Amino acid sequence: MRRKRRPDNFYELLTCGWKGHALVGTDAAEVTADDVLLVREKDGIRWYRCLRCDAWLADDPPQDPARERVPSRDEIEIPQRGPMLRDRYVLRLIAVDRAIHVVVLTVLAVVLYTFARHNTALHHDYVNIMSSLSGTTPGESQVRGVLGYLGKAFKYSPARLIQLGLLVTAYAALEATEMVGLWFSKRWAEYLTLVATAALIPLEVYELSVKVSVFKVITLIINIAIAVYLLLAKRLFGLRGGHRVQLERHREFGGWEAIERMTPGLPTSTP
């Protein structure tokens, strides 16, 4: 069975299915030949063109129009479409990845601060729990997993735990900044994320050289993919024409030129 090809406007259709179509002129009393690109009327039926996915939807003219004419181009804000909309989905996917990091780092910071404040009491409880579980003392058994990491935390002084907590908090704040900036498609966030991600790759490679694990491999692959995507697809640091080409692509695929190009056989008058 032949696999169906994904439509070229997949992200547009996905967004319209979620947010609704981007229609204009639905409250206009009159449709003229100048509006043929966006709204058409024939036999008492209005056809509205979605500015995002280019679908034409039929509806009756408004019973109580709020304005006389369809808005002019200067009044219309074209929604994101084409490569820009695809990039927005990718950036928001990276932002979700950063959000997960923020949650994990925040929990880790809270644990470190808690251990620093109640180190003696928690250590006593830990020894009692491990003795009950293993029938011996933790020092006489090989403790692995989460309980093993908890045991290692007691080897640090409260002052050292606070220092580690502050370091983790600062990193969580950096990840949160990246998350917010990427969610709103800010150019500075793309640079910040690239630099922060690329700086960690050598450390992750070293960690793999010490001990290989599936988690480490997946993390490295994800971070390399993010760095390559930001560097090439977003044309950072002047690559592939840099920001100038990026702006030209915005105009070509997200402006009125794209709307006109996606209207085959554009008539000169209302049908």
C-alpha atoms as a PDB file:
ATOM      1  CA  MET A   1       0.000   0.000   0.000  1.00  0.00           C
ATOM      2  CA  ARG A   2       1.409   3.357  -1.050  1.00  0.00           C
ATOM      3  CA  ARG A   3       2.005   5.745   1.813  1.00  0.00           C
ATOM      4  CA  LYS A   4       0.198   9.065   1.553  1.00  0.00           C
ATOM      5  CA  ARG A   5       2.432  12.095   1.099  1.00  0.00           C
ATOM      6  CA  ARG A   6       2.239  14.707   3.809  1.00  0.00           C
ATOM      7  CA  PRO A   7       0.691  17.929   2.444  1.00  0.00           C
ATOM      8  CA  ASP A   8       3.000  20.886   1.889  1.00  0.00           C
ATOM      9  CA  ASN A   9       0.873  23.001   4.204  1.00  0.00           C
ATOM     10  CA  PHE A  10       0.861  20.422   7.001  1.00  0.00           C
ATOM     11  CA  TYR A  11       1.822  22.897   9.741  1.00  0.00           C
ATOM     12  CA  GLU A  12      -0.735  25.404   8.482  1.00  0.00           C
ATOM     13  CA  LEU A  13      -3.499  22.799   8.576  1.00  0.00           C
ATOM     14  CA  LEU A  14      -2.378  21.649  12.011  1.00  0.00           C
ATOM     15  CA  THR A  15      -2.459  25.195  13.359  1.00  0.00           C
ATOM     16  CA  CYS A  16      -5.825  25.985  11.790  1.00  0.00           C
ATOM     17  CA  GLY A  17      -7.259  22.797  13.244  1.00  0.00           C
ATOM     18  CA  TRP A  18      -6.078  23.947  16.666  1.00  0.00           C
ATOM     19  CA  LYS A  19      -6.606  27.709  16.555  1.00  0.00           C
ATOM     20  CA  GLY A  20      -9.178  28.063  13.790  1.00  0.00           C
ATOM     21  CA  HIS A  21      -8.875  29.610  10.338  1.00  0.00           C
ATOM     22  CA  ALA A  22      -7.531  33.121   9.836  1.00  0.00           C
ATOM     23  CA  LEU A  23     -10.328  34.794   7.865  1.00  0.00           C
ATOM     24  CA  VAL A  24     -10.887  38.461   7.038  1.00  0.00           C
ATOM     25  CA  GLY A  25     -13.930  40.314   5.801  1.00  0.00           C
ATOM     26  CA  THR A  26     -16.440  38.149   7.661  1.00  0.00           C
ATOM     27  CA  ASP A  27     -17.999  41.336   9.084  1.00  0.00           C
ATOM     28  CA  ALA A  28     -17.898  43.390   5.847  1.00  0.00           C
ATOM     29  CA  ALA A  29     -21.098  44.535   4.150  1.00  0.00           C
ATOM     30  CA  GLU A  30     -19.633  44.750   0.652  1.00  0.00           C
ATOM     31  CA  VAL A  31     -17.198  42.664  -1.374  1.00  0.00           C
ATOM     32  CA  THR A  32     -15.588  44.199  -4.453  1.00  0.00           C
ATOM     33  CA  ALA A  33     -13.261  43.062  -7.225  1.00  0.00           C
ATOM     34  CA  ASP A  34     -10.334  44.420  -5.195  1.00  0.00           C
ATOM     35  CA  ASP A  35     -11.028  41.796  -2.521  1.00  0.00           C
ATOM     36  CA  VAL A  36     -10.847  38.791  -4.834  1.00  0.00           C
ATOM     37  CA  LEU A  37      -7.586  37.642  -3.251  1.00  0.00           C
ATOM     38  CA  LEU A  38      -9.260  37.214   0.148  1.00  0.00           C
ATOM     39  CA  VAL A  39     -13.045  37.207  -0.209  1.00  0.00           C
ATOM     40  CA  ARG A  40     -15.321  36.349  -3.115  1.00  0.00           C
ATOM     41  CA  GLU A  41     -19.079  36.382  -3.439  1.00  0.00           C
ATOM     42  CA  LYS A  42     -21.236  34.529  -5.952  1.00  0.00           C
ATOM     43  CA  ASP A  43     -24.925  33.628  -5.977  1.00  0.00           C
ATOM     44  CA  GLY A  44     -25.363  35.052  -2.481  1.00  0.00           C
ATOM     45  CA  ILE A  45     -22.597  32.901  -0.987  1.00  0.00           C
ATOM     46  CA  ARG A  46     -19.386  34.340   0.425  1.00  0.00           C
ATOM     47  CA  TRP A  47     -16.103  32.494   0.046  1.00  0.00           C
ATOM     48  CA  TYR A  48     -13.446  33.438   2.608  1.00  0.00           C
ATOM     49  CA  ARG A  49      -9.816  32.571   2.100  1.00  0.00           C
ATOM     50  CA  CYS A  50      -7.771  31.449   5.140  1.00  0.00           C
ATOM     51  CA  LEU A  51      -4.587  33.490   5.253  1.00  0.00           C
ATOM     52  CA  ARG A  52      -2.748  30.618   6.914  1.00  0.00           C
ATOM     53  CA  CYS A  53      -3.670  27.382   5.105  1.00  0.00           C
ATOM     54  CA  ASP A  54      -5.171  28.920   1.891  1.00  0.00           C
ATOM     55  CA  ALA A  55      -8.455  27.010   2.255  1.00  0.00           C
ATOM     56  CA  TRP A  56     -11.641  28.663   0.932  1.00  0.00           C
ATOM     57  CA  LEU A  57     -14.659  28.405   3.214  1.00  0.00           C
ATOM     58  CA  ALA A  58     -18.243  29.174   2.230  1.00  0.00           C
ATOM     59  CA  ASP A  59     -20.653  31.147   4.425  1.00  0.00           C
ATOM     60  CA  ASP A  60     -23.591  33.513   4.171  1.00  0.00           C
ATOM     61  CA  PRO A  61     -22.944  37.271   4.118  1.00  0.00           C
ATOM     62  CA  PRO A  62     -23.192  38.813   7.626  1.00  0.00           C
ATOM     63  CA  GLN A  63     -26.682  39.855   8.725  1.00  0.00           C
ATOM     64  CA  ASP A  64     -25.337  42.780  10.785  1.00  0.00           C
ATOM     65  CA  PRO A  65     -22.054  43.869   9.185  1.00  0.00           C
ATOM     66  CA  ALA A  66     -19.725  45.846  11.442  1.00  0.00           C
ATOM     67  CA  ARG A  67     -17.889  47.596   8.599  1.00  0.00           C
ATOM     68  CA  GLU A  68     -18.566  48.674   5.048  1.00  0.00           C
ATOM     69  CA  ARG A  69     -15.564  47.168   3.246  1.00  0.00           C
ATOM     70  CA  VAL A  70     -13.132  44.275   3.578  1.00  0.00           C
ATOM     71  CA  PRO A  71      -9.978  45.427   5.420  1.00  0.00           C
ATOM     72  CA  SER A  72      -7.119  46.671   3.246  1.00  0.00           C
ATOM     73  CA  ARG A  73      -3.746  44.996   3.190  1.00  0.00           C
ATOM     74  CA  ASP A  74      -2.326  47.607   5.549  1.00  0.00           C
ATOM     75  CA  GLU A  75      -4.949  46.650   8.126  1.00  0.00           C
ATOM     76  CA  ILE A  76      -4.338  42.909   7.915  1.00  0.00           C
ATOM     77  CA  GLU A  77      -1.697  41.034   9.881  1.00  0.00           C
ATOM     78  CA  ILE A  78      -0.749  37.870   8.007  1.00  0.00           C
ATOM     79  CA  PRO A  79      -0.349  34.900  10.382  1.00  0.00           C
ATOM     80  CA  GLN A  80       2.824  32.854  10.328  1.00  0.00           C
ATOM     81  CA  ARG A  81       2.924  30.351   7.500  1.00  0.00           C
ATOM     82  CA  GLY A  82       5.395  28.325   5.444  1.00  0.00           C
ATOM     83  CA  PRO A  83       8.939  27.779   6.783  1.00  0.00           C
ATOM     84  CA  MET A  84       8.424  30.367   9.541  1.00  0.00           C
ATOM     85  CA  LEU A  85       5.509  28.408  10.970  1.00  0.00           C
ATOM     86  CA  ARG A  86       7.482  25.161  10.765  1.00  0.00           C
ATOM     87  CA  ASP A  87      10.400  26.824  12.561  1.00  0.00           C
ATOM     88  CA  ARG A  88       8.037  28.022  15.258  1.00  0.00           C
ATOM     89  CA  TYR A  89       6.926  24.450  15.931  1.00  0.00           C
ATOM     90  CA  VAL A  90      10.542  23.278  16.142  1.00  0.00           C
ATOM     91  CA  LEU A  91      11.531  26.142  18.454  1.00  0.00           C
ATOM     92  CA  ARG A  92       8.590  25.421  20.723  1.00  0.00           C
ATOM     93  CA  LEU A  93       9.541  21.747  20.801  1.00  0.00           C
ATOM     94  CA  ILE A  94      13.017  22.800  21.976  1.00  0.00           C
ATOM     95  CA  ALA A  95      11.330  25.105  24.505  1.00  0.00           C
ATOM     96  CA  VAL A  96       9.407  22.109  25.900  1.00  0.00           C
ATOM     97  CA  ASP A  97      12.716  20.254  26.223  1.00  0.00           C
ATOM     98  CA  ARG A  98      14.077  23.227  28.169  1.00  0.00           C
ATOM     99  CA  ALA A  99      10.958  23.278  30.347  1.00  0.00           C
ATOM    100  CA  ILE A 100      11.625  19.656  31.347  1.00  0.00           C
ATOM    101  CA  HIS A 101      15.188  20.626  32.239  1.00  0.00           C
ATOM    102  CA  VAL A 102      13.929  23.517  34.365  1.00  0.00           C
ATOM    103  CA  VAL A 103      11.599  21.237  36.333  1.00  0.00           C
ATOM    104  CA  VAL A 104      14.320  18.629  36.950  1.00  0.00           C
ATOM    105  CA  LEU A 105      16.939  21.229  37.900  1.00  0.00           C
ATOM    106  CA  THR A 106      14.521  23.034  40.205  1.00  0.00           C
ATOM    107  CA  VAL A 107      13.712  19.799  42.034  1.00  0.00           C
ATOM    108  CA  LEU A 108      17.428  19.032  42.305  1.00  0.00           C
ATOM    109  CA  ALA A 109      18.152  22.485  43.711  1.00  0.00           C
ATOM    110  CA  VAL A 110      15.404  22.095  46.317  1.00  0.00           C
ATOM    111  CA  VAL A 111      16.858  18.708  47.326  1.00  0.00           C
ATOM    112  CA  LEU A 112      20.345  20.196  47.696  1.00  0.00           C
ATOM    113  CA  TYR A 113      19.099  23.091  49.826  1.00  0.00           C
ATOM    114  CA  THR A 114      17.062  20.687  51.966  1.00  0.00           C
ATOM    115  CA  PHE A 115      20.065  18.437  52.512  1.00  0.00           C
ATOM    116  CA  ALA A 116      22.210  21.448  53.411  1.00  0.00           C
ATOM    117  CA  ARG A 117      19.725  22.646  56.011  1.00  0.00           C
ATOM    118  CA  HIS A 118      18.869  19.275  57.574  1.00  0.00           C
ATOM    119  CA  ASN A 119      22.025  17.329  56.811  1.00  0.00           C
ATOM    120  CA  THR A 120      22.493  15.638  60.175  1.00  0.00           C
ATOM    121  CA  ALA A 121      18.864  14.606  60.664  1.00  0.00           C
ATOM    122  CA  LEU A 122      18.471  13.345  57.095  1.00  0.00           C
ATOM    123  CA  HIS A 123      21.728  11.408  57.286  1.00  0.00           C
ATOM    124  CA  HIS A 124      20.544   9.698  60.458  1.00  0.00           C
ATOM    125  CA  ASP A 125      17.233   8.770  58.827  1.00  0.00           C
ATOM    126  CA  TYR A 126      19.033   7.536  55.713  1.00  0.00           C
ATOM    127  CA  VAL A 127      21.275   5.231  57.733  1.00  0.00           C
ATOM    128  CA  ASN A 128      18.298   3.800  59.599  1.00  0.00           C
ATOM    129  CA  ILE A 129      16.324   3.204  56.383  1.00  0.00           C
ATOM    130  CA  MET A 130      19.242   1.549  54.592  1.00  0.00           C
ATOM    131  CA  SER A 131      20.008  -0.609  57.613  1.00  0.00           C
ATOM    132  CA  SER A 132      16.385  -1.783  57.666  1.00  0.00           C
ATOM    133  CA  LEU A 133      16.389  -2.540  53.937  1.00  0.00           C
ATOM    134  CA  SER A 134      19.719  -4.319  53.730  1.00  0.00           C
ATOM    135  CA  GLY A 135      20.078  -5.712  57.235  1.00  0.00           C
ATOM    136  CA  THR A 136      23.426  -3.981  57.508  1.00  0.00           C
ATOM    137  CA  THR A 137      24.885  -0.491  57.300  1.00  0.00           C
ATOM    138  CA  PRO A 138      25.028   1.406  53.992  1.00  0.00           C
ATOM    139  CA  GLY A 139      28.799   1.491  54.154  1.00  0.00           C
ATOM    140  CA  GLU A 140      28.932  -2.269  54.042  1.00  0.00           C
ATOM    141  CA  SER A 141      26.741  -2.667  50.981  1.00  0.00           C
ATOM    142  CA  GLN A 142      26.934  -1.477  47.438  1.00  0.00           C
ATOM    143  CA  VAL A 143      24.053   0.980  47.166  1.00  0.00           C
ATOM    144  CA  ARG A 144      23.073   1.870  43.615  1.00  0.00           C
ATOM    145  CA  GLY A 145      20.459   4.001  41.878  1.00  0.00           C
ATOM    146  CA  VAL A 146      18.693   6.916  43.527  1.00  0.00           C
ATOM    147  CA  LEU A 147      19.525   5.731  47.037  1.00  0.00           C
ATOM    148  CA  GLY A 148      23.173   5.555  46.047  1.00  0.00           C
ATOM    149  CA  TYR A 149      23.127   9.166  44.867  1.00  0.00           C
ATOM    150  CA  LEU A 150      21.440  10.212  48.103  1.00  0.00           C
ATOM    151  CA  GLY A 151      24.194   8.511  50.052  1.00  0.00           C
ATOM    152  CA  LYS A 152      26.848  10.415  48.107  1.00  0.00           C
ATOM    153  CA  ALA A 153      25.154  13.727  48.988  1.00  0.00           C
ATOM    154  CA  PHE A 154      25.980  13.213  52.651  1.00  0.00           C
ATOM    155  CA  LYS A 155      29.689  13.239  51.811  1.00  0.00           C
ATOM    156  CA  TYR A 156      29.481  16.974  51.107  1.00  0.00           C
ATOM    157  CA  SER A 157      29.418  19.668  53.766  1.00  0.00           C
ATOM    158  CA  PRO A 158      26.321  21.900  54.073  1.00  0.00           C
ATOM    159  CA  ALA A 159      28.322  24.819  52.635  1.00  0.00           C
ATOM    160  CA  ARG A 160      29.297  22.745  49.599  1.00  0.00           C
ATOM    161  CA  LEU A 161      25.695  21.627  49.105  1.00  0.00           C
ATOM    162  CA  ILE A 162      24.538  25.245  49.105  1.00  0.00           C
ATOM    163  CA  GLN A 163      27.191  26.103  46.501  1.00  0.00           C
ATOM    164  CA  LEU A 164      26.006  23.236  44.323  1.00  0.00           C
ATOM    165  CA  GLY A 165      22.391  24.359  44.845  1.00  0.00           C
ATOM    166  CA  LEU A 166      23.232  27.895  43.709  1.00  0.00           C
ATOM    167  CA  LEU A 167      25.007  26.515  40.629  1.00  0.00           C
ATOM    168  CA  VAL A 168      22.013  24.339  39.736  1.00  0.00           C
ATOM    169  CA  THR A 169      19.642  27.277  40.347  1.00  0.00           C
ATOM    170  CA  ALA A 170      21.670  29.504  38.017  1.00  0.00           C
ATOM    171  CA  TYR A 171      21.601  26.819  35.314  1.00  0.00           C
ATOM    172  CA  ALA A 172      17.841  26.381  35.779  1.00  0.00           C
ATOM    173  CA  ALA A 173      17.421  30.159  35.355  1.00  0.00           C
ATOM    174  CA  LEU A 174      19.460  30.005  32.122  1.00  0.00           C
ATOM    175  CA  GLU A 175      17.294  27.160  30.804  1.00  0.00           C
ATOM    176  CA  ALA A 176      14.139  29.058  31.780  1.00  0.00           C
ATOM    177  CA  THR A 177      15.370  32.119  29.875  1.00  0.00           C
ATOM    178  CA  GLU A 178      16.008  29.978  26.802  1.00  0.00           C
ATOM    179  CA  MET A 179      12.574  28.382  27.170  1.00  0.00           C
ATOM    180  CA  VAL A 180      10.685  31.684  27.238  1.00  0.00           C
ATOM    181  CA  GLY A 181      12.711  33.216  24.407  1.00  0.00           C
ATOM    182  CA  LEU A 182      12.337  30.182  22.144  1.00  0.00           C
ATOM    183  CA  TRP A 183       8.604  29.940  22.830  1.00  0.00           C
ATOM    184  CA  PHE A 184       8.174  33.476  21.496  1.00  0.00           C
ATOM    185  CA  SER A 185      10.660  32.908  18.625  1.00  0.00           C
ATOM    186  CA  LYS A 186      13.187  35.506  19.785  1.00  0.00           C
ATOM    187  CA  ARG A 187      16.394  35.709  17.793  1.00  0.00           C
ATOM    188  CA  TRP A 188      18.541  36.292  20.893  1.00  0.00           C
ATOM    189  CA  ALA A 189      17.166  33.079  22.420  1.00  0.00           C
ATOM    190  CA  GLU A 190      18.355  31.101  19.396  1.00  0.00           C
ATOM    191  CA  TYR A 191      21.914  32.388  19.923  1.00  0.00           C
ATOM    192  CA  LEU A 192      21.749  31.791  23.680  1.00  0.00           C
ATOM    193  CA  THR A 193      20.460  28.247  23.226  1.00  0.00           C
ATOM    194  CA  LEU A 194      23.086  27.440  20.591  1.00  0.00           C
ATOM    195  CA  VAL A 195      25.974  28.651  22.764  1.00  0.00           C
ATOM    196  CA  ALA A 196      24.661  26.963  25.926  1.00  0.00           C
ATOM    197  CA  THR A 197      23.978  23.680  24.111  1.00  0.00           C
ATOM    198  CA  ALA A 198      27.273  23.603  22.202  1.00  0.00           C
ATOM    199  CA  ALA A 199      29.203  24.275  25.416  1.00  0.00           C
ATOM    200  CA  LEU A 200      27.794  21.091  26.965  1.00  0.00           C
ATOM    201  CA  ILE A 201      28.548  18.767  24.029  1.00  0.00           C
ATOM    202  CA  PRO A 202      32.292  18.263  24.858  1.00  0.00           C
ATOM    203  CA  LEU A 203      31.352  17.428  28.467  1.00  0.00           C
ATOM    204  CA  GLU A 204      28.734  14.928  27.282  1.00  0.00           C
ATOM    205  CA  VAL A 205      31.277  13.306  24.940  1.00  0.00           C
ATOM    206  CA  TYR A 206      33.699  12.992  27.860  1.00  0.00           C
ATOM    207  CA  GLU A 207      30.979  11.448  30.038  1.00  0.00           C
ATOM    208  CA  LEU A 208      30.344   8.886  27.302  1.00  0.00           C
ATOM    209  CA  SER A 209      34.045   8.058  27.157  1.00  0.00           C
ATOM    210  CA  VAL A 210      33.942   7.284  30.879  1.00  0.00           C
ATOM    211  CA  LYS A 211      30.748   5.226  30.826  1.00  0.00           C
ATOM    212  CA  VAL A 212      28.259   4.593  28.050  1.00  0.00           C
ATOM    213  CA  SER A 213      24.524   4.634  28.771  1.00  0.00           C
ATOM    214  CA  VAL A 214      21.405   4.917  26.631  1.00  0.00           C
ATOM    215  CA  PHE A 215      20.373   8.132  28.414  1.00  0.00           C
ATOM    216  CA  LYS A 216      23.745   9.781  27.727  1.00  0.00           C
ATOM    217  CA  VAL A 217      23.671   8.773  24.059  1.00  0.00           C
ATOM    218  CA  ILE A 218      20.132  10.087  23.560  1.00  0.00           C
ATOM    219  CA  THR A 219      20.987  13.352  25.340  1.00  0.00           C
ATOM    220  CA  LEU A 220      24.064  13.861  23.157  1.00  0.00           C
ATOM    221  CA  ILE A 221      22.129  13.154  19.949  1.00  0.00           C
ATOM    222  CA  ILE A 222      19.354  15.585  20.934  1.00  0.00           C
ATOM    223  CA  ASN A 223      21.794  18.368  21.802  1.00  0.00           C
ATOM    224  CA  ILE A 224      23.794  17.891  18.584  1.00  0.00           C
ATOM    225  CA  ALA A 225      20.558  17.984  16.565  1.00  0.00           C
ATOM    226  CA  ILE A 226      19.456  21.183  18.326  1.00  0.00           C
ATOM    227  CA  ALA A 227      22.832  22.848  17.745  1.00  0.00           C
ATOM    228  CA  VAL A 228      22.942  21.880  14.049  1.00  0.00           C
ATOM    229  CA  TYR A 229      19.349  22.991  13.488  1.00  0.00           C
ATOM    230  CA  LEU A 230      19.875  26.396  15.103  1.00  0.00           C
ATOM    231  CA  LEU A 231      23.176  26.945  13.339  1.00  0.00           C
ATOM    232  CA  LEU A 232      22.038  25.996   9.824  1.00  0.00           C
ATOM    233  CA  ALA A 233      18.254  26.285   9.630  1.00  0.00           C
ATOM    234  CA  LYS A 234      18.159  29.563  11.568  1.00  0.00           C
ATOM    235  CA  ARG A 235      21.299  30.871   9.833  1.00  0.00           C
ATOM    236  CA  LEU A 236      23.065  31.995  12.992  1.00  0.00           C
ATOM    237  CA  PHE A 237      26.443  33.742  12.933  1.00  0.00           C
ATOM    238  CA  GLY A 238      25.976  34.688   9.281  1.00  0.00           C
ATOM    239  CA  LEU A 239      25.808  31.128   7.940  1.00  0.00           C
ATOM    240  CA  ARG A 240      23.814  30.582   4.726  1.00  0.00           C
ATOM    241  CA  GLY A 241      23.306  34.316   4.296  1.00  0.00           C
ATOM    242  CA  GLY A 242      22.586  35.055   7.941  1.00  0.00           C
ATOM    243  CA  HIS A 243      19.781  37.242   9.217  1.00  0.00           C
ATOM    244  CA  ARG A 244      19.425  39.081   5.891  1.00  0.00           C
ATOM    245  CA  VAL A 245      18.400  35.895   4.077  1.00  0.00           C
ATOM    246  CA  GLN A 246      16.168  34.980   7.003  1.00  0.00           C
ATOM    247  CA  LEU A 247      14.262  38.259   6.611  1.00  0.00           C
ATOM    248  CA  GLU A 248      14.002  37.743   2.850  1.00  0.00           C
ATOM    249  CA  ARG A 249      12.505  34.298   3.455  1.00  0.00           C
ATOM    250  CA  HIS A 250       9.986  35.866   5.819  1.00  0.00           C
ATOM    251  CA  ARG A 251       8.881  38.255   3.095  1.00  0.00           C
ATOM    252  CA  GLU A 252       8.884  35.578   0.380  1.00  0.00           C
ATOM    253  CA  PHE A 253       6.967  32.887   2.249  1.00  0.00           C
ATOM    254  CA  GLY A 254       5.046  34.897   4.828  1.00  0.00           C
ATOM    255  CA  GLY A 255       3.973  38.075   3.043  1.00  0.00           C
ATOM    256  CA  TRP A 256       1.479  39.075   0.399  1.00  0.00           C
ATOM    257  CA  GLU A 257       3.775  37.712  -2.297  1.00  0.00           C
ATOM    258  CA  ALA A 258       3.214  34.230  -0.861  1.00  0.00           C
ATOM    259  CA  ILE A 259      -0.558  34.789  -0.708  1.00  0.00           C
ATOM    260  CA  GLU A 260      -0.610  35.798  -4.368  1.00  0.00           C
ATOM    261  CA  ARG A 261       1.694  32.960  -5.413  1.00  0.00           C
ATOM    262  CA  MET A 262      -0.592  30.415  -3.752  1.00  0.00           C
ATOM    263  CA  THR A 263      -3.583  31.653  -5.768  1.00  0.00           C
ATOM    264  CA  PRO A 264      -3.358  29.831  -9.131  1.00  0.00           C
ATOM    265  CA  GLY A 265      -5.033  31.626 -12.023  1.00  0.00           C
ATOM    266  CA  LEU A 266      -5.818  34.712  -9.970  1.00  0.00           C
ATOM    267  CA  PRO A 267      -8.715  36.403 -11.791  1.00  0.00           C
ATOM    268  CA  THR A 268      -8.896  40.141 -12.371  1.00  0.00           C
ATOM    269  CA  SER A 269     -12.512  40.419 -11.329  1.00  0.00           C
ATOM    270  CA  THR A 270     -14.949  38.799  -8.991  1.00  0.00           C
ATOM    271  CA  PRO A 271     -16.267  35.534 -10.461  1.00  0.00           C
END
